[in-house]
Amino acid sequence: MNGPLEWIAAVGAMIAAAMIAFDLGRRATAWGFVLFCAVSVIWIVAGALKGATPIVAMNAILLLINLWGVYQYWVHPKNRRDEKTGN
């Protein structure tokens, strides 16, 4: 597993982790979770193509966790910006 697909996924995961770890604000964190979701899909595809079931299983679970992160940062009502007050 050393092809271009794997390298794209690896670099994407590092960027997503940095976006979340540097705590640059809610928007950057939300985009970090979106990038993690995309990376998980790439890893699932790469793992499936190479027959690497553990990679597929791990990233299927990580995809669900990161989708939860996207929901928490962008969709959940308690975290949505209040349109009337601007908060």
Protein backbone atom coordinates (compact mmCIF):
# COMPACT_ATOMS: atom_id res chain seq x y z
CA MET A 1 0.00 0.00 0.00
CA ASN A 2 2.41 2.60 -1.26
CA GLY A 3 0.61 4.01 -4.27
CA PRO A 4 -0.63 7.50 -5.05
CA LEU A 5 -4.06 6.83 -3.54
CA GLU A 6 -2.50 5.90 -0.22
CA TRP A 7 -0.20 8.93 -0.25
CA ILE A 8 -3.13 11.26 -0.96
CA ALA A 9 -5.02 9.71 1.95
CA ALA A 10 -2.01 9.89 4.27
CA VAL A 11 -1.26 13.55 3.52
CA GLY A 12 -4.97 14.41 3.76
CA ALA A 13 -5.19 12.75 7.17
CA MET A 14 -2.19 14.75 8.42
CA ILE A 15 -3.70 18.01 7.19
CA ALA A 16 -7.09 17.19 8.73
CA ALA A 17 -5.48 16.30 12.05
CA ALA A 18 -3.55 19.59 12.03
CA MET A 19 -6.69 21.57 11.21
CA ILE A 20 -8.40 20.13 14.26
CA ALA A 21 -5.38 20.16 16.60
CA PHE A 22 -4.41 23.79 15.91
CA ASP A 23 -7.90 24.88 17.01
CA LEU A 24 -8.18 27.65 14.43
CA GLY A 25 -11.88 28.08 15.10
CA ARG A 26 -15.11 26.24 14.48
CA ARG A 27 -15.04 26.61 10.71
CA ALA A 28 -11.52 25.20 10.36
CA THR A 29 -12.38 22.35 12.71
CA ALA A 30 -15.54 21.58 10.75
CA TRP A 31 -13.54 21.50 7.50
CA GLY A 32 -11.01 19.25 9.23
CA PHE A 33 -13.79 16.75 9.92
CA VAL A 34 -14.97 17.00 6.31
CA LEU A 35 -11.43 16.30 5.11
CA PHE A 36 -11.19 13.35 7.51
CA CYS A 37 -14.40 11.98 5.96
CA ALA A 38 -12.97 12.27 2.46
CA VAL A 39 -9.72 10.65 3.57
CA SER A 40 -11.60 7.77 5.18
CA VAL A 41 -13.43 7.13 1.92
CA ILE A 42 -10.10 7.12 0.04
CA TRP A 43 -8.65 4.67 2.57
CA ILE A 44 -11.71 2.43 2.25
CA VAL A 45 -11.31 2.36 -1.54
CA ALA A 46 -7.55 1.79 -1.34
CA GLY A 47 -7.97 -0.95 1.25
CA ALA A 48 -10.69 -2.66 -0.75
CA LEU A 49 -8.57 -2.58 -3.92
CA LYS A 50 -5.62 -4.14 -2.07
CA GLY A 51 -7.66 -6.60 0.01
CA ALA A 52 -6.63 -4.89 3.26
CA THR A 53 -9.72 -5.64 5.32
CA PRO A 54 -8.37 -4.12 8.58
CA ILE A 55 -7.83 -0.77 6.82
CA VAL A 56 -11.34 -0.91 5.36
CA ALA A 57 -12.92 -1.78 8.73
CA MET A 58 -10.95 0.85 10.65
CA ASN A 59 -11.80 3.60 8.19
CA ALA A 60 -15.45 2.63 8.01
CA ILE A 61 -15.64 3.24 11.77
CA LEU A 62 -13.55 6.42 11.49
CA LEU A 63 -15.87 7.65 8.74
CA LEU A 64 -18.84 7.27 11.09
CA ILE A 65 -16.98 9.07 13.88
CA ASN A 66 -15.96 11.91 11.57
CA LEU A 67 -19.47 12.21 10.16
CA TRP A 68 -20.56 12.69 13.76
CA GLY A 69 -17.96 15.47 14.01
CA VAL A 70 -19.35 17.14 10.89
CA TYR A 71 -22.84 16.89 12.37
CA GLN A 72 -21.69 18.35 15.68
CA TYR A 73 -19.89 21.31 14.10
CA TRP A 74 -22.25 22.14 11.22
CA VAL A 75 -25.69 20.64 11.73
CA HIS A 76 -26.49 20.19 15.42
CA PRO A 77 -28.92 22.92 16.51
CA LYS A 78 -26.95 23.86 19.64
CA ASN A 79 -23.95 24.73 17.48
CA ARG A 80 -25.69 26.52 14.65
CA ARG A 81 -25.25 30.24 14.42
CA ASP A 82 -28.25 32.16 15.61
CA GLU A 83 -29.43 34.01 12.52
CA LYS A 84 -31.33 36.65 14.52
CA THR A 85 -28.66 37.61 17.04
CA GLY A 86 -25.57 36.88 14.95
CA ASN A 87 -24.11 34.59 17.62
